[in-house]
PDB file of N, CA and C in Angstrom:
ATOM      1  N   MET A   1      50.264  94.455  76.531  1.00  0.00           N
ATOM      2  CA  MET A   1      49.004  93.918  76.957  1.00  0.00           C
ATOM      3  C   MET A   1      49.024  93.851  78.468  1.00  0.00           C
ATOM      4  N   ALA A   2      47.996  94.377  79.121  1.00  0.00           N
ATOM      5  CA  ALA A   2      47.920  94.436  80.552  1.00  0.00           C
ATOM      6  C   ALA A   2      47.603  93.073  81.131  1.00  0.00           C
ATOM      7  N   LYS A   3      48.081  92.830  82.375  1.00  0.00           N
ATOM      8  CA  LYS A   3      47.761  91.539  83.035  1.00  0.00           C
ATOM      9  C   LYS A   3      46.364  91.664  83.607  1.00  0.00           C
ATOM     10  N   PRO A   4      45.668  90.528  83.675  1.00  0.00           N
ATOM     11  CA  PRO A   4      44.378  90.527  84.301  1.00  0.00           C
ATOM     12  C   PRO A   4      44.499  90.830  85.810  1.00  0.00           C
ATOM     13  N   GLU A   5      43.454  91.302  86.351  1.00  0.00           N
ATOM     14  CA  GLU A   5      43.451  91.688  87.813  1.00  0.00           C
ATOM     15  C   GLU A   5      43.951  90.561  88.694  1.00  0.00           C
ATOM     16  N   SER A   6      43.585  89.311  88.366  1.00  0.00           N
ATOM     17  CA  SER A   6      43.942  88.141  89.196  1.00  0.00           C
ATOM     18  C   SER A   6      45.491  87.911  89.229  1.00  0.00           C
ATOM     19  N   GLU A   7      46.194  88.359  88.213  1.00  0.00           N
ATOM     20  CA  GLU A   7      47.628  88.136  88.125  1.00  0.00           C
ATOM     21  C   GLU A   7      48.500  89.297  88.637  1.00  0.00           C
ATOM     22  N   LYS A   8      47.881  90.370  88.965  1.00  0.00           N
ATOM     23  CA  LYS A   8      48.663  91.554  89.445  1.00  0.00           C
ATOM     24  C   LYS A   8      49.126  91.262  90.894  1.00  0.00           C
ATOM     25  N   ALA A   9      50.324  91.736  91.173  1.00  0.00           N
ATOM     26  CA  ALA A   9      50.805  91.647  92.543  1.00  0.00           C
ATOM     27  C   ALA A   9      50.035  92.444  93.491  1.00  0.00           C
ATOM     28  N   PRO A  10      49.809  91.987  94.715  1.00  0.00           N
ATOM     29  CA  PRO A  10      49.086  92.762  95.660  1.00  0.00           C
ATOM     30  C   PRO A  10      49.853  94.013  96.071  1.00  0.00           C
ATOM     31  N   PRO A  11      49.194  95.070  96.427  1.00  0.00           N
ATOM     32  CA  PRO A  11      49.873  96.283  96.843  1.00  0.00           C
ATOM     33  C   PRO A  11      50.775  96.021  98.023  1.00  0.00           C
ATOM     34  N   LYS A  12      51.953  96.647  98.017  1.00  0.00           N
ATOM     35  CA  LYS A  12      52.897  96.493  99.155  1.00  0.00           C
ATOM     36  C   LYS A  12      52.398  97.171 100.340  1.00  0.00           C
ATOM     37  N   LYS A  13      52.598  96.535 101.499  1.00  0.00           N
ATOM     38  CA  LYS A  13      52.217  97.153 102.737  1.00  0.00           C
ATOM     39  C   LYS A  13      53.434  97.654 103.435  1.00  0.00           C
ATOM     40  N   LYS A  14      53.326  98.766 104.134  1.00  0.00           N
ATOM     41  CA  LYS A  14      54.493  99.310 104.879  1.00  0.00           C
ATOM     42  C   LYS A  14      54.580  98.457 106.100  1.00  0.00           C
ATOM     43  N   GLY A  15      55.726  97.867 106.296  1.00  0.00           N
ATOM     44  CA  GLY A  15      55.926  97.029 107.526  1.00  0.00           C
ATOM     45  C   GLY A  15      56.537  97.864 108.620  1.00  0.00           C
ATOM     46  N   GLU A  16      56.885  97.182 109.634  1.00  0.00           N
ATOM     47  CA  GLU A  16      57.584  97.848 110.751  1.00  0.00           C
ATOM     48  C   GLU A  16      58.949  98.295 110.256  1.00  0.00           C
ATOM     49  N   PRO A  17      59.379  99.514 110.670  1.00  0.00           N
ATOM     50  CA  PRO A  17      60.675  99.957 110.294  1.00  0.00           C
ATOM     51  C   PRO A  17      61.751  99.052 110.937  1.00  0.00           C
ATOM     52  N   LYS A  18      62.879  98.913 110.241  1.00  0.00           N
ATOM     53  CA  LYS A  18      63.969  98.079 110.786  1.00  0.00           C
ATOM     54  C   LYS A  18      64.503  98.788 112.057  1.00  0.00           C
ATOM     55  N   PRO A  19      64.850  98.028 113.030  1.00  0.00           N
ATOM     56  CA  PRO A  19      65.434  98.606 114.253  1.00  0.00           C
ATOM     57  C   PRO A  19      66.834  99.162 113.930  1.00  0.00           C
ATOM     58  N   LYS A  20      67.139 100.345 114.550  1.00  0.00           N
ATOM     59  CA  LYS A  20      68.400 100.981 114.325  1.00  0.00           C
ATOM     60  C   LYS A  20      69.495 100.091 114.917  1.00  0.00           C
ATOM     61  N   LEU A  21      70.676 100.037 114.232  1.00  0.00           N
ATOM     62  CA  LEU A  21      71.793  99.290 114.799  1.00  0.00           C
ATOM     63  C   LEU A  21      72.474 100.097 115.868  1.00  0.00           C
ATOM     64  N   THR A  22      73.033  99.420 116.851  1.00  0.00           N
ATOM     65  CA  THR A  22      73.794 100.074 117.857  1.00  0.00           C
ATOM     66  C   THR A  22      75.188 100.342 117.243  1.00  0.00           C
ATOM     67  N   ASP A  23      75.931 101.182 117.904  1.00  0.00           N
ATOM     68  CA  ASP A  23      77.318 101.424 117.396  1.00  0.00           C
ATOM     69  C   ASP A  23      78.150 100.109 117.371  1.00  0.00           C
ATOM     70  N   ALA A  24      77.931  99.296 118.378  1.00  0.00           N
ATOM     71  CA  ALA A  24      78.712  98.021 118.463  1.00  0.00           C
ATOM     72  C   ALA A  24      78.306  97.134 117.307  1.00  0.00           C
ATOM     73  N   GLU A  25      76.987  97.040 117.010  1.00  0.00           N
ATOM     74  CA  GLU A  25      76.575  96.183 115.866  1.00  0.00           C
ATOM     75  C   GLU A  25      77.070  96.744 114.556  1.00  0.00           C
ATOM     76  N   ARG A  26      77.005  98.065 114.399  1.00  0.00           N
ATOM     77  CA  ARG A  26      77.477  98.659 113.174  1.00  0.00           C
ATOM     78  C   ARG A  26      78.991  98.400 112.995  1.00  0.00           C
ATOM     79  N   HIS A  27      79.787  98.561 114.067  1.00  0.00           N
ATOM     80  CA  HIS A  27      81.190  98.311 113.995  1.00  0.00           C
ATOM     81  C   HIS A  27      81.501  96.863 113.652  1.00  0.00           C
ATOM     82  N   LYS A  28      80.779  95.897 114.230  1.00  0.00           N
ATOM     83  CA  LYS A  28      80.983  94.491 113.935  1.00  0.00           C
ATOM     84  C   LYS A  28      80.702  94.229 112.473  1.00  0.00           C
ATOM     85  N   ARG A  29      79.641  94.761 111.919  1.00  0.00           N
ATOM     86  CA  ARG A  29      79.261  94.589 110.500  1.00  0.00           C
ATOM     87  C   ARG A  29      80.369  95.181 109.612  1.00  0.00           C
ATOM     88  N   PHE A  30      80.898  96.330 110.016  1.00  0.00           N
ATOM     89  CA  PHE A  30      81.964  96.971 109.273  1.00  0.00           C
ATOM     90  C   PHE A  30      83.238  96.118 109.244  1.00  0.00           C
ATOM     91  N   VAL A  31      83.617  95.595 110.437  1.00  0.00           N
ATOM     92  CA  VAL A  31      84.832  94.778 110.491  1.00  0.00           C
ATOM     93  C   VAL A  31      84.647  93.497 109.755  1.00  0.00           C
ATOM     94  N   ASP A  32      83.457  92.878 109.830  1.00  0.00           N
ATOM     95  CA  ASP A  32      83.205  91.624 109.100  1.00  0.00           C
ATOM     96  C   ASP A  32      83.290  91.850 107.610  1.00  0.00           C
ATOM     97  N   MET A  33      82.744  92.963 107.111  1.00  0.00           N
ATOM     98  CA  MET A  33      82.847  93.250 105.680  1.00  0.00           C
ATOM     99  C   MET A  33      84.221  93.495 105.264  1.00  0.00           C
ATOM    100  N   ALA A  34      85.013  94.248 106.062  1.00  0.00           N
ATOM    101  CA  ALA A  34      86.389  94.523 105.765  1.00  0.00           C
ATOM    102  C   ALA A  34      87.176  93.226 105.631  1.00  0.00           C
ATOM    103  N   ARG A  35      86.897  92.292 106.512  1.00  0.00           N
ATOM    104  CA  ARG A  35      87.596  90.993 106.449  1.00  0.00           C
ATOM    105  C   ARG A  35      87.171  90.241 105.188  1.00  0.00           C
ATOM    106  N   GLU A  36      85.883  90.307 104.847  1.00  0.00           N
ATOM    107  CA  GLU A  36      85.362  89.595 103.719  1.00  0.00           C
ATOM    108  C   GLU A  36      86.024  90.062 102.387  1.00  0.00           C
ATOM    109  N   VAL A  37      86.236  91.356 102.295  1.00  0.00           N
ATOM    110  CA  VAL A  37      86.788  91.895 101.059  1.00  0.00           C
ATOM    111  C   VAL A  37      88.331  92.022 101.196  1.00  0.00           C
ATOM    112  N   GLU A  38      88.877  91.497 102.268  1.00  0.00           N
ATOM    113  CA  GLU A  38      90.333  91.505 102.486  1.00  0.00           C
ATOM    114  C   GLU A  38      90.899  92.907 102.422  1.00  0.00           C
ATOM    115  N   ALA A  39      90.277  93.825 103.142  1.00  0.00           N
ATOM    116  CA  ALA A  39      90.724  95.200 103.164  1.00  0.00           C
ATOM    117  C   ALA A  39      92.125  95.267 103.882  1.00  0.00           C
ATOM    118  N   ASP A  40      92.844  96.266 103.470  1.00  0.00           N
ATOM    119  CA  ASP A  40      94.236  96.409 104.000  1.00  0.00           C
ATOM    120  C   ASP A  40      94.360  97.838 104.520  1.00  0.00           C
ATOM    121  N   GLU A  41      94.983  98.043 105.665  1.00  0.00           N
ATOM    122  CA  GLU A  41      95.071  99.346 106.273  1.00  0.00           C
ATOM    123  C   GLU A  41      96.304 100.121 105.815  1.00  0.00           C
ATOM    124  N   SER A  42      97.231  99.487 105.107  1.00  0.00           N
ATOM    125  CA  SER A  42      98.503 100.136 104.803  1.00  0.00           C
ATOM    126  C   SER A  42      98.303 101.210 103.733  1.00  0.00           C
ATOM    127  N   THR A  43      99.135 102.247 103.805  1.00  0.00           N
ATOM    128  CA  THR A  43      99.059 103.306 102.826  1.00  0.00           C
ATOM    129  C   THR A  43      99.548 102.791 101.478  1.00  0.00           C
ATOM    130  N   GLU A  44     100.475 101.822 101.506  1.00  0.00           N
ATOM    131  CA  GLU A  44     100.976 101.284 100.262  1.00  0.00           C
ATOM    132  C   GLU A  44      99.883 100.592  99.465  1.00  0.00           C
ATOM    133  N   ALA A  45      99.057  99.806 100.131  1.00  0.00           N
ATOM    134  CA  ALA A  45      97.976  99.122  99.440  1.00  0.00           C
ATOM    135  C   ALA A  45      96.957 100.161  98.912  1.00  0.00           C
ATOM    136  N   PHE A  46      96.725 101.220  99.673  1.00  0.00           N
ATOM    137  CA  PHE A  46      95.807 102.268  99.176  1.00  0.00           C
ATOM    138  C   PHE A  46      96.377 102.916  97.929  1.00  0.00           C
ATOM    139  N   ASP A  47      97.634 103.302  97.996  1.00  0.00           N
ATOM    140  CA  ASP A  47      98.275 103.972  96.838  1.00  0.00           C
ATOM    141  C   ASP A  47      98.278 103.057  95.586  1.00  0.00           C
ATOM    142  N   LYS A  48      98.521 101.753  95.787  1.00  0.00           N
ATOM    143  CA  LYS A  48      98.494 100.883  94.649  1.00  0.00           C
ATOM    144  C   LYS A  48      97.101 100.771  94.039  1.00  0.00           C
ATOM    145  N   ALA A  49      96.060 100.658  94.888  1.00  0.00           N
ATOM    146  CA  ALA A  49      94.691 100.572  94.424  1.00  0.00           C
ATOM    147  C   ALA A  49      94.276 101.875  93.776  1.00  0.00           C
ATOM    148  N   PHE A  50      94.724 103.021  94.350  1.00  0.00           N
ATOM    149  CA  PHE A  50      94.382 104.286  93.810  1.00  0.00           C
ATOM    150  C   PHE A  50      94.985 104.497  92.411  1.00  0.00           C
ATOM    151  N   GLU A  51      96.209 104.077  92.250  1.00  0.00           N
ATOM    152  CA  GLU A  51      96.869 104.195  90.942  1.00  0.00           C
ATOM    153  C   GLU A  51      96.176 103.344  89.852  1.00  0.00           C
ATOM    154  N   LYS A  52      95.591 102.230  90.269  1.00  0.00           N
ATOM    155  CA  LYS A  52      94.829 101.385  89.299  1.00  0.00           C
ATOM    156  C   LYS A  52      93.575 102.083  88.895  1.00  0.00           C
ATOM    157  N   ALA A  53      92.925 102.801  89.828  1.00  0.00           N
ATOM    158  CA  ALA A  53      91.649 103.370  89.603  1.00  0.00           C
ATOM    159  C   ALA A  53      91.703 104.744  88.868  1.00  0.00           C
ATOM    160  N   VAL A  54      92.772 105.481  89.053  1.00  0.00           N
ATOM    161  CA  VAL A  54      92.859 106.848  88.528  1.00  0.00           C
ATOM    162  C   VAL A  54      93.874 106.880  87.457  1.00  0.00           C
ATOM    163  N   THR A  55      93.518 107.395  86.299  1.00  0.00           N
ATOM    164  CA  THR A  55      94.461 107.510  85.234  1.00  0.00           C
ATOM    165  C   THR A  55      94.942 109.004  85.253  1.00  0.00           C
ATOM    166  N   PRO A  56      96.267 109.147  85.141  1.00  0.00           N
ATOM    167  CA  PRO A  56      96.757 110.577  85.172  1.00  0.00           C
ATOM    168  C   PRO A  56      96.343 111.328  83.857  1.00  0.00           C
ATOM    169  N   HIS A  57      95.954 112.550  84.086  1.00  0.00           N
ATOM    170  CA  HIS A  57      95.594 113.437  82.952  1.00  0.00           C
ATOM    171  C   HIS A  57      96.688 114.399  82.693  1.00  0.00           C
ATOM    172  N   PRO A  58      97.106 114.566  81.464  1.00  0.00           N
ATOM    173  CA  PRO A  58      98.173 115.533  81.197  1.00  0.00           C
ATOM    174  C   PRO A  58      97.632 116.962  81.489  1.00  0.00           C
ATOM    175  N   HIS A  59      98.484 117.711  82.020  1.00  0.00           N
ATOM    176  CA  HIS A  59      98.127 119.143  82.350  1.00  0.00           C
ATOM    177  C   HIS A  59      98.117 119.957  81.051  1.00  0.00           C
ATOM    178  N   THR A  60      97.093 120.700  80.919  1.00  0.00           N
ATOM    179  CA  THR A  60      97.026 121.559  79.709  1.00  0.00           C
ATOM    180  C   THR A  60      97.179 122.965  80.160  1.00  0.00           C
ATOM    181  N   GLU A  61      97.904 123.727  79.345  1.00  0.00           N
ATOM    182  CA  GLU A  61      98.045 125.165  79.629  1.00  0.00           C
ATOM    183  C   GLU A  61      97.001 125.922  78.890  1.00  0.00           C
ATOM    184  N   GLY A  62      96.509 126.933  79.519  1.00  0.00           N
ATOM    185  CA  GLY A  62      95.495 127.620  78.787  1.00  0.00           C
ATOM    186  C   GLY A  62      94.895 128.774  79.440  1.00  0.00           C
TER     187      GLY A  62
END
């Protein structure tokens, strides 16, 4: 059943485009997010996470 005209949401208007981030702002956001998710730069941490995410597939001959 369709909603009456009075209950329909008004059409969306295109607003001003968001201002582009500077490289410094983009870097700060990146660093803040990395801290928030407790990112680690070590290759050991990457290898451990990679092993959890990827399951080895047996090689098939063919």
